[in-house]
């Protein structure tokens, strides 16, 4: 096990800088509305069908909130869904090399 030693002043400076960085990242994330309507959700997902939105809700693949007849979708869950289903060049390369 390695031990890292800091001067007290350097340690607190590092904590302050890290805290500022975390808050800036959070501010960027929350500048946009977290809960969006169906039209914007479909646009983010690149789909046109209400049925596909219903399917994603039924399968609990994206977070949503329903109040009366109004359904709002979580922007972050949609972005997370897209990221989880991303196919990267590395994935394609490894797939092709196995063929």
Protein backbone atom coordinates (compact mmCIF):
# COMPACT_ATOMS: atom_id res chain seq x y z
CA UNK A 1 0.00 0.00 0.00
CA UNK A 2 1.27 3.46 -0.89
CA UNK A 3 0.85 6.43 1.37
CA UNK A 4 0.61 9.95 -0.02
CA UNK A 5 1.42 12.82 2.31
CA UNK A 6 0.16 16.38 1.76
CA UNK A 7 0.90 19.59 3.50
CA UNK A 8 -2.27 20.73 5.26
CA UNK A 9 -2.56 23.87 3.11
CA UNK A 10 -2.09 21.90 -0.13
CA UNK A 11 -4.68 19.35 0.94
CA UNK A 12 -7.34 21.99 1.59
CA UNK A 13 -6.49 23.80 -1.64
CA UNK A 14 -6.95 20.55 -3.55
CA UNK A 15 -10.31 19.91 -1.81
CA UNK A 16 -11.47 23.46 -2.67
CA UNK A 17 -10.51 23.08 -6.32
CA UNK A 18 -12.23 19.70 -6.51
CA UNK A 19 -15.38 21.13 -4.93
CA UNK A 20 -15.47 24.00 -7.45
CA UNK A 21 -15.01 21.53 -10.32
CA UNK A 22 -17.87 19.36 -9.06
CA UNK A 23 -20.22 22.35 -8.72
CA UNK A 24 -19.36 23.59 -12.22
CA UNK A 25 -20.09 20.17 -13.66
CA UNK A 26 -23.39 19.99 -11.78
CA UNK A 27 -24.36 23.49 -12.99
CA UNK A 28 -23.81 22.47 -16.61
CA UNK A 29 -25.93 19.38 -16.07
CA UNK A 30 -28.84 21.20 -14.44
CA UNK A 31 -28.99 24.23 -16.76
CA UNK A 32 -31.32 22.30 -19.01
CA UNK A 33 -34.67 21.12 -17.70
CA UNK A 34 -34.46 17.63 -16.27
CA UNK A 35 -38.08 16.78 -17.07
CA UNK A 36 -39.05 17.15 -20.72
CA UNK A 37 -42.15 16.57 -22.81
CA UNK A 38 -42.78 13.74 -25.21
CA UNK A 39 -41.81 15.69 -28.33
CA UNK A 40 -38.38 16.53 -26.98
CA UNK A 41 -37.91 13.00 -25.61
CA UNK A 42 -38.71 11.50 -29.01
CA UNK A 43 -36.33 13.95 -30.66
CA UNK A 44 -33.50 12.98 -28.28
CA UNK A 45 -34.14 9.30 -28.93
CA UNK A 46 -34.58 9.79 -32.67
CA UNK A 47 -37.96 8.10 -32.78
CA UNK A 48 -41.33 9.23 -34.13
CA UNK A 49 -43.71 6.65 -32.72
CA UNK A 50 -45.78 7.11 -29.56
CA UNK A 51 -45.88 3.33 -29.38
CA UNK A 52 -42.11 3.12 -29.03
CA UNK A 53 -42.25 5.65 -26.18
CA UNK A 54 -44.91 3.49 -24.52
CA UNK A 55 -42.69 0.43 -24.97
CA UNK A 56 -39.72 2.18 -23.35
CA UNK A 57 -41.95 3.19 -20.41
CA UNK A 58 -43.46 -0.30 -20.06
CA UNK A 59 -40.01 -1.90 -20.06
CA UNK A 60 -38.78 0.72 -17.54
CA UNK A 61 -35.89 1.60 -19.81
CA UNK A 62 -36.32 5.34 -19.25
CA UNK A 63 -37.62 7.24 -16.24
CA UNK A 64 -40.89 9.09 -16.55
CA UNK A 65 -43.43 10.86 -14.39
CA UNK A 66 -47.16 10.82 -15.00
CA UNK A 67 -49.58 13.31 -13.49
CA UNK A 68 -53.06 13.02 -14.92
CA UNK A 69 -52.64 12.70 -18.68
CA UNK A 70 -49.32 14.56 -18.70
CA UNK A 71 -46.20 12.43 -19.05
CA UNK A 72 -42.76 13.96 -18.55
CA UNK A 73 -39.50 12.16 -19.28
CA UNK A 74 -36.18 12.35 -17.46
CA UNK A 75 -33.57 13.85 -19.77
CA UNK A 76 -30.72 12.22 -17.84
CA UNK A 77 -32.30 8.76 -18.04
CA UNK A 78 -32.73 9.14 -21.80
CA UNK A 79 -29.10 10.19 -22.21
CA UNK A 80 -28.05 7.29 -19.99
CA UNK A 81 -30.19 4.90 -22.07
CA UNK A 82 -28.50 6.13 -25.25
CA UNK A 83 -25.06 5.74 -23.68
CA UNK A 84 -25.83 2.21 -22.47
CA UNK A 85 -26.92 1.24 -25.99
CA UNK A 86 -24.03 2.94 -27.75
CA UNK A 87 -22.02 0.92 -30.20
CA UNK A 88 -18.52 2.27 -30.39
CA UNK A 89 -15.84 1.77 -33.00
CA UNK A 90 -13.98 -0.45 -30.51
CA UNK A 91 -17.02 -2.71 -30.22
CA UNK A 92 -17.39 -2.99 -33.99
CA UNK A 93 -13.65 -3.65 -34.39
CA UNK A 94 -13.68 -6.49 -31.88
CA UNK A 95 -16.84 -7.91 -33.47
CA UNK A 96 -15.28 -7.87 -36.94
CA UNK A 97 -12.03 -9.43 -35.74
CA UNK A 98 -13.98 -12.40 -34.29
CA UNK A 99 -15.62 -13.13 -37.67
